[in-house]
Amino acid sequence: MSLDDKLDAAKDQLSGKAKQAEGKLTHDKTRQAQGKAQEGRGKVKEKLEEAKDAVKDKVDELSRKHDDK
C-alpha cells in the first residue's frame, strides 16, 4: 500500500469519526450517518489496498520461483 493510499484511508476514517462525534454532540443523526459512511469508506479503501498488496506479493513470489527454474 502506498503512503498516499494509507493516508487517504486513514483520513477518511478519522474524518468519519469526527463527523460522528459532532453529530452526537449536536444530536444530528444525519451528520452521524455521514460520519459512519465516511469511516466505512476509509475501512474499505484500507482493505482494498491490503488485498492489492497481497496479490502483488504473491505475483512477485511466483515470478521469483519461475526465474529460479
Protein backbone atom coordinates (compact mmCIF):
# COMPACT_ATOMS: atom_id res chain seq x y z
CA MET A 1 0.00 0.00 0.00
CA SER A 2 1.45 3.34 -0.97
CA LEU A 3 1.83 6.01 1.65
CA ASP A 4 -0.69 8.23 -0.16
CA ASP A 5 -3.25 5.43 -0.13
CA LYS A 6 -2.65 4.73 3.56
CA LEU A 7 -3.05 8.40 4.39
CA ASP A 8 -6.21 8.70 2.29
CA ALA A 9 -7.81 5.72 4.02
CA ALA A 10 -6.76 6.96 7.46
CA LYS A 11 -8.03 10.48 6.66
CA ASP A 12 -11.46 9.12 5.73
CA GLN A 13 -11.62 7.03 8.88
CA LEU A 14 -10.58 9.90 11.12
CA SER A 15 -12.86 12.43 9.42
CA GLY A 16 -15.72 9.99 9.69
CA LYS A 17 -15.17 9.53 13.41
CA ALA A 18 -15.02 13.29 13.87
CA LYS A 19 -18.31 13.75 12.00
CA GLN A 20 -19.91 11.06 14.15
CA ALA A 21 -18.75 12.79 17.31
CA GLU A 22 -20.00 16.15 16.02
CA GLY A 23 -23.36 14.56 15.20
CA LYS A 24 -23.63 13.08 18.68
CA LEU A 25 -22.83 16.41 20.32
CA THR A 26 -25.36 18.31 18.21
CA HIS A 27 -27.92 15.49 18.14
CA ASP A 28 -27.69 15.48 14.35
CA LYS A 29 -28.49 11.95 13.17
CA THR A 30 -27.72 12.85 9.55
CA ARG A 31 -24.22 14.01 10.45
CA GLN A 32 -23.66 10.83 12.45
CA ALA A 33 -24.73 8.74 9.46
CA GLN A 34 -22.44 10.72 7.17
CA GLY A 35 -19.59 10.08 9.55
CA LYS A 36 -20.29 6.35 9.70
CA ALA A 37 -20.39 6.19 5.92
CA GLN A 38 -17.11 8.07 5.55
CA GLU A 39 -15.42 5.92 8.18
CA GLY A 40 -16.69 2.84 6.36
CA ARG A 41 -15.28 4.09 3.06
CA GLY A 42 -11.91 4.52 4.73
CA LYS A 43 -12.00 0.98 6.04
CA VAL A 44 -12.96 -0.38 2.62
CA LYS A 45 -10.11 1.58 0.99
CA GLU A 46 -7.71 0.15 3.55
CA LYS A 47 -8.88 -3.44 2.91
CA LEU A 48 -8.68 -3.00 -0.87
CA GLU A 49 -5.13 -1.71 -0.62
CA GLU A 50 -4.18 -4.63 1.63
CA ALA A 51 -5.66 -7.02 -0.94
CA LYS A 52 -3.71 -5.33 -3.75
CA ASP A 53 -0.53 -5.67 -1.71
CA ALA A 54 -1.21 -9.35 -1.07
CA VAL A 55 -1.78 -10.02 -4.78
CA LYS A 56 1.38 -8.11 -5.71
CA ASP A 57 3.39 -10.07 -3.14
CA LYS A 58 2.05 -13.36 -4.50
CA VAL A 59 2.83 -12.38 -8.10
CA ASP A 60 6.35 -11.37 -7.07
CA GLU A 61 6.82 -14.66 -5.23
CA LEU A 62 5.64 -16.70 -8.22
CA SER A 63 7.84 -14.65 -10.54
CA ARG A 64 10.90 -15.35 -8.37
CA LYS A 65 10.10 -19.07 -8.32
CA HIS A 66 9.75 -19.06 -12.11
CA ASP A 67 13.04 -17.18 -12.52
CA ASP A 68 14.83 -19.72 -10.31
CA LYS A 69 13.94 -22.56 -12.71
